Amino acid sequence: MSVHDELTTVQRCLDDLMRSVGRLEKQLGAGGLEMRRVRTDAGHLRESVALLRETAGTPATAQRRPDLVTISDTPYDPSLWVDTDDEGLGARDRHAP
């Protein structure tokens, strides 16, 4: 089976699950903590499958890593740090604990 077919099968099963959860809510009542938790978990599964379907629909070239950013080895301009203390090391002209 292809990925699309598998995702369609999962979607059908989730639809069946949501219908079953709806029937249970009618029989047991929707106010209980356990029922709300089951309904929420089923909703999260539905959202996760929708995200997976979107990801599976994009070609592999679109999923490549972003370009790397080169960080220079040259030191920063010391004037950037004139008004700051070395955090965690104490104030200027004093020793660290």
Protein backbone atom coordinates (compact mmCIF):
# COMPACT_ATOMS: atom_id res chain seq x y z
CA MET A 1 0.00 0.00 0.00
CA SER A 2 1.12 3.53 -0.66
CA VAL A 3 1.48 6.16 2.04
CA HIS A 4 -1.63 7.91 0.72
CA ASP A 5 -3.64 4.69 1.01
CA GLU A 6 -2.39 4.09 4.55
CA LEU A 7 -3.28 7.63 5.60
CA THR A 8 -6.75 7.24 4.08
CA THR A 9 -7.23 4.03 6.07
CA VAL A 10 -6.10 5.74 9.27
CA GLN A 11 -8.48 8.64 8.56
CA ARG A 12 -11.40 6.23 8.12
CA CYS A 13 -10.54 4.52 11.41
CA LEU A 14 -10.37 7.89 13.15
CA ASP A 15 -13.76 8.82 11.72
CA ASP A 16 -15.15 5.55 13.14
CA LEU A 17 -13.50 6.34 16.47
CA MET A 18 -15.05 9.82 16.57
CA ARG A 19 -18.50 8.36 15.84
CA SER A 20 -18.01 5.79 18.61
CA VAL A 21 -16.88 8.46 21.05
CA GLY A 22 -19.98 10.49 20.15
CA ARG A 23 -22.22 7.50 20.90
CA LEU A 24 -20.44 6.90 24.20
CA GLU A 25 -20.94 10.55 25.14
CA LYS A 26 -24.68 10.18 24.59
CA GLN A 27 -24.81 7.03 26.72
CA LEU A 28 -22.45 8.08 29.53
CA GLY A 29 -22.83 11.82 29.48
CA ALA A 30 -20.26 14.33 28.27
CA GLY A 31 -19.53 15.91 31.66
CA GLY A 32 -17.22 13.29 33.15
CA LEU A 33 -13.49 13.87 33.23
CA GLU A 34 -12.78 10.51 31.59
CA MET A 35 -15.14 11.21 28.70
CA ARG A 36 -13.67 14.67 28.11
CA ARG A 37 -10.21 13.14 28.13
CA VAL A 38 -11.16 10.49 25.55
CA ARG A 39 -12.79 13.14 23.34
CA THR A 40 -9.71 15.38 23.61
CA ASP A 41 -7.30 12.53 22.87
CA ALA A 42 -9.32 11.51 19.81
CA GLY A 43 -9.26 15.12 18.63
CA HIS A 44 -5.49 15.25 19.08
CA LEU A 45 -5.13 12.07 17.02
CA ARG A 46 -7.22 13.64 14.27
CA GLU A 47 -5.04 16.77 14.28
CA SER A 48 -1.84 14.70 14.24
CA VAL A 49 -2.99 12.67 11.26
CA ALA A 50 -3.92 15.88 9.43
CA LEU A 51 -0.41 17.23 10.04
CA LEU A 52 1.09 13.94 8.91
CA ARG A 53 -1.02 14.05 5.75
CA GLU A 54 0.28 17.56 4.99
CA THR A 55 3.88 16.49 5.58
CA ALA A 56 3.54 13.34 3.51
CA GLY A 57 2.11 15.35 0.62
CA THR A 58 5.20 17.52 0.23
CA PRO A 59 8.08 16.27 -1.90
CA ALA A 60 11.33 15.28 -0.22
CA THR A 61 13.18 18.26 -1.70
CA ALA A 62 10.91 20.66 0.21
CA GLN A 63 11.86 18.95 3.47
CA ARG A 64 15.59 19.65 3.18
CA ARG A 65 17.52 21.34 5.96
CA PRO A 66 17.71 25.11 5.94
CA ASP A 67 20.95 26.69 4.81
CA LEU A 68 23.62 26.89 7.49
CA VAL A 69 24.64 30.28 8.81
CA THR A 70 28.36 30.95 9.13
CA ILE A 71 29.44 32.60 12.38
CA SER A 72 32.61 34.61 12.13
CA ASP A 73 35.56 33.91 14.45
CA THR A 74 36.48 37.58 14.68
CA PRO A 75 35.88 39.03 18.14
CA TYR A 76 32.95 41.32 18.80
CA ASP A 77 33.47 45.05 19.27
CA PRO A 78 34.18 45.54 23.04
CA SER A 79 32.16 48.76 23.05
CA LEU A 80 29.02 46.59 22.84
CA TRP A 81 29.64 45.38 26.40
CA VAL A 82 30.60 48.64 28.14
CA ASP A 83 27.42 49.00 30.20
CA THR A 84 27.01 45.34 31.24
CA ASP A 85 28.40 43.08 33.91
CA ASP A 86 29.55 39.56 33.18
CA GLU A 87 26.44 37.73 34.20
CA GLY A 88 27.13 35.21 36.93
CA LEU A 89 30.72 36.38 37.39
CA GLY A 90 30.09 39.50 39.45
CA ALA A 91 30.71 43.12 38.65
CA ARG A 92 33.69 44.51 36.75
CA ASP A 93 36.93 44.89 38.75
CA ARG A 94 35.87 42.24 41.26
CA HIS A 95 36.63 38.54 41.41
CA ALA A 96 34.12 35.80 40.85
CA PRO A 97 33.00 33.88 43.94
